[in-house]
Amino acid sequence: MERKQSHDAGADVLVMSGTARRYAIIEAIRSQGGRERFAIAYLNECALRAVIATACIVATDFLSREEALEACAAPVALAG
């Protein structure tokens, strides 16, 4: 595992076996009502889908956490 500097995003990118960290938007339904979106990091999309219900994954493949968080705040629906 090595840490590389991404010149495009200006952020560190974790590299493990040649796979860069990506970010996904997850939508959770609150028991009190309403929904909340948040960003999580993952290295392997298949592993992400194995532990998170597909219906909760709003979008994947963001290169930076900031990009994913901006998309979380967008009022439009995202496709995963």
Protein backbone atom coordinates (compact mmCIF):
# COMPACT_ATOMS: atom_id res chain seq x y z
CA MET A 1 0.00 0.00 0.00
CA GLU A 2 1.42 3.38 -0.92
CA ARG A 3 0.20 6.96 -0.79
CA LYS A 4 0.53 9.04 -3.95
CA GLN A 5 -0.15 12.70 -4.55
CA SER A 6 -2.86 13.33 -7.11
CA HIS A 7 -1.92 16.37 -9.18
CA ASP A 8 -5.41 16.71 -10.64
CA ALA A 9 -7.41 16.87 -7.42
CA GLY A 10 -4.63 18.15 -5.14
CA ALA A 11 -5.38 15.38 -2.64
CA ASP A 12 -3.70 12.20 -1.50
CA VAL A 13 -4.86 9.03 -3.21
CA LEU A 14 -4.44 5.71 -1.46
CA VAL A 15 -3.17 3.05 -3.83
CA MET A 16 -3.44 -0.62 -2.94
CA SER A 17 -2.38 -3.22 -5.48
CA GLY A 18 -2.75 -0.65 -8.24
CA THR A 19 -6.31 0.35 -7.25
CA ALA A 20 -7.00 3.98 -6.37
CA ARG A 21 -9.48 4.92 -3.68
CA ARG A 22 -12.85 6.03 -5.05
CA TYR A 23 -15.85 7.52 -3.31
CA ALA A 24 -19.52 6.57 -3.38
CA ILE A 25 -22.65 8.38 -2.28
CA ILE A 26 -24.82 6.37 0.07
CA GLU A 27 -28.39 7.28 1.00
CA ALA A 28 -29.72 6.21 4.38
CA ILE A 29 -33.36 6.35 5.41
CA ARG A 30 -33.78 7.63 8.96
CA SER A 31 -36.12 5.82 11.33
CA GLN A 32 -37.61 9.22 12.30
CA GLY A 33 -38.30 9.92 8.64
CA GLY A 34 -36.29 11.64 5.96
CA ARG A 35 -33.14 10.66 4.15
CA GLU A 36 -29.48 11.48 4.52
CA ARG A 37 -26.72 11.23 1.92
CA PHE A 38 -23.05 10.82 2.75
CA ALA A 39 -19.82 9.85 1.00
CA ILE A 40 -17.71 6.79 1.77
CA ALA A 41 -14.38 5.62 0.36
CA TYR A 42 -13.90 2.24 -1.26
CA LEU A 43 -11.17 0.40 -3.15
CA ASN A 44 -13.28 -2.22 -4.89
CA GLU A 45 -16.81 -1.60 -6.18
CA CYS A 46 -17.75 -5.29 -5.98
CA ALA A 47 -16.79 -5.33 -2.30
CA LEU A 48 -18.74 -2.11 -1.73
CA ARG A 49 -21.85 -3.66 -3.28
CA ALA A 50 -21.35 -6.81 -1.20
CA VAL A 51 -21.63 -4.87 2.08
CA ILE A 52 -23.99 -2.00 1.17
CA ALA A 53 -27.49 -2.62 -0.17
CA THR A 54 -27.58 -1.73 -3.86
CA ALA A 55 -30.68 0.42 -3.35
CA CYS A 56 -28.71 2.62 -0.92
CA ILE A 57 -25.84 3.28 -3.36
CA VAL A 58 -26.78 6.48 -5.16
CA ALA A 59 -23.59 7.01 -7.19
CA THR A 60 -20.04 5.65 -7.40
CA ASP A 61 -16.65 6.36 -8.94
CA PHE A 62 -15.94 9.86 -7.61
CA LEU A 63 -12.22 10.64 -7.62
CA SER A 64 -12.29 12.83 -4.50
CA ARG A 65 -14.28 13.09 -1.31
CA GLU A 66 -14.98 16.74 -2.06
CA GLU A 67 -16.49 15.87 -5.46
CA ALA A 68 -18.73 13.25 -3.83
CA LEU A 69 -19.83 15.64 -1.07
CA GLU A 70 -20.72 18.29 -3.65
CA ALA A 71 -22.86 15.72 -5.45
CA CYS A 72 -24.50 14.77 -2.12
CA ALA A 73 -25.65 18.35 -1.70
CA ALA A 74 -27.06 18.58 -5.24
CA PRO A 75 -30.87 18.60 -5.25
CA VAL A 76 -31.11 16.34 -8.32
CA ALA A 77 -31.32 12.57 -8.16
CA LEU A 78 -28.11 10.69 -9.02
CA ALA A 79 -27.88 7.33 -10.73
CA GLY A 80 -25.43 4.74 -9.30
